[in-house]
Protein backbone atom coordinates (compact mmCIF):
# COMPACT_ATOMS: atom_id res chain seq x y z
CA UNK A 1 6.37 -4.30 19.74
CA UNK A 2 5.46 -3.11 16.28
CA UNK A 3 8.32 -2.98 13.79
CA UNK A 4 8.85 -0.24 11.25
CA UNK A 5 7.89 -2.70 8.52
CA UNK A 6 4.59 -3.45 10.22
CA UNK A 7 3.77 0.20 10.75
CA UNK A 8 4.45 0.91 7.07
CA UNK A 9 2.17 -1.94 5.97
CA UNK A 10 -0.51 -0.82 8.41
CA UNK A 11 -0.30 2.77 7.10
CA UNK A 12 -0.45 1.53 3.48
CA UNK A 13 -3.77 -0.18 4.16
CA UNK A 14 -5.06 2.83 6.10
CA UNK A 15 -4.32 5.08 3.12
CA UNK A 16 -6.06 2.71 0.72
CA UNK A 17 -8.98 2.35 3.14
CA UNK A 18 -9.28 6.13 3.33
CA UNK A 19 -9.55 6.17 -0.47
CA UNK A 20 -6.46 8.38 -0.80
CA UNK A 21 -3.97 6.63 -3.09
CA UNK A 22 -2.36 10.01 -3.77
CA UNK A 23 -1.01 9.83 -0.19
CA UNK A 24 1.01 6.67 -0.86
CA UNK A 25 4.13 8.86 -0.97
CA UNK A 26 4.05 8.54 2.83
CA UNK A 27 4.94 4.86 2.68
CA UNK A 28 6.23 4.16 -0.84
CA UNK A 29 9.56 5.15 -2.29
CA UNK A 30 9.51 7.55 -5.22
CA UNK A 31 11.64 5.05 -7.17
CA UNK A 32 9.30 2.12 -6.47
CA UNK A 33 9.40 -0.56 -9.16
CA UNK A 34 6.08 -2.34 -9.45
CA UNK A 35 5.04 -5.62 -10.95
CA UNK A 36 2.08 -7.39 -12.55
CA UNK A 37 -1.18 -5.39 -12.56
CA UNK A 38 -0.12 -3.02 -9.80
CA UNK A 39 1.77 -0.74 -12.19
CA UNK A 40 5.38 -0.25 -13.10
CA UNK A 41 6.10 2.67 -10.76
CA UNK A 42 4.57 4.73 -7.95
CA UNK A 43 2.41 6.81 -10.30
CA UNK A 44 1.05 3.63 -11.90
CA UNK A 45 0.40 2.07 -8.48
CA UNK A 46 -1.57 5.14 -7.40
CA UNK A 47 -3.56 5.08 -10.64
CA UNK A 48 -4.19 1.34 -10.33
CA UNK A 49 -5.50 1.67 -6.78
CA UNK A 50 -7.58 4.71 -7.71
CA UNK A 51 -9.14 2.82 -10.63
CA UNK A 52 -10.00 -0.05 -8.29
CA UNK A 53 -11.48 2.27 -5.67
CA UNK A 54 -13.62 4.18 -8.19
CA UNK A 55 -16.29 1.45 -8.54
CA UNK A 56 -15.85 0.38 -4.89
CA UNK A 57 -15.69 3.65 -2.92
CA UNK A 58 -16.70 1.93 0.32
CA UNK A 59 -13.99 -0.71 0.08
CA UNK A 60 -12.61 -1.65 3.46
CA UNK A 61 -9.56 -3.80 4.02
CA UNK A 62 -9.11 -5.21 7.49
CA UNK A 63 -5.55 -6.12 8.30
CA UNK A 64 -5.97 -9.17 10.51
CA UNK A 65 -2.50 -10.63 10.83
CA UNK A 66 1.01 -9.70 9.80
CA UNK A 67 4.12 -11.81 9.89
CA UNK A 68 7.51 -10.24 9.41
CA UNK A 69 10.66 -12.27 9.09
CA UNK A 70 13.87 -10.30 8.96
CA UNK A 71 16.83 -12.40 7.92
CA UNK A 72 20.31 -10.99 8.18
CA UNK A 73 22.98 -12.93 6.35
């Protein structure tokens, strides 16, 4: 059974693979706080992905395996 987390990750990679970072609103929170080179917020993340896709328009990311551990304390 696919969890919500897995379906969100799968959709994230589908959106990137479709070359549509503007559609990341589907899977990312509007108040996303980024880190490192990915940008500081959702707008920066979209811009970062778009700038990466520009020179690599045929980029394809195959999601091979996902592991999800949900720990409830």
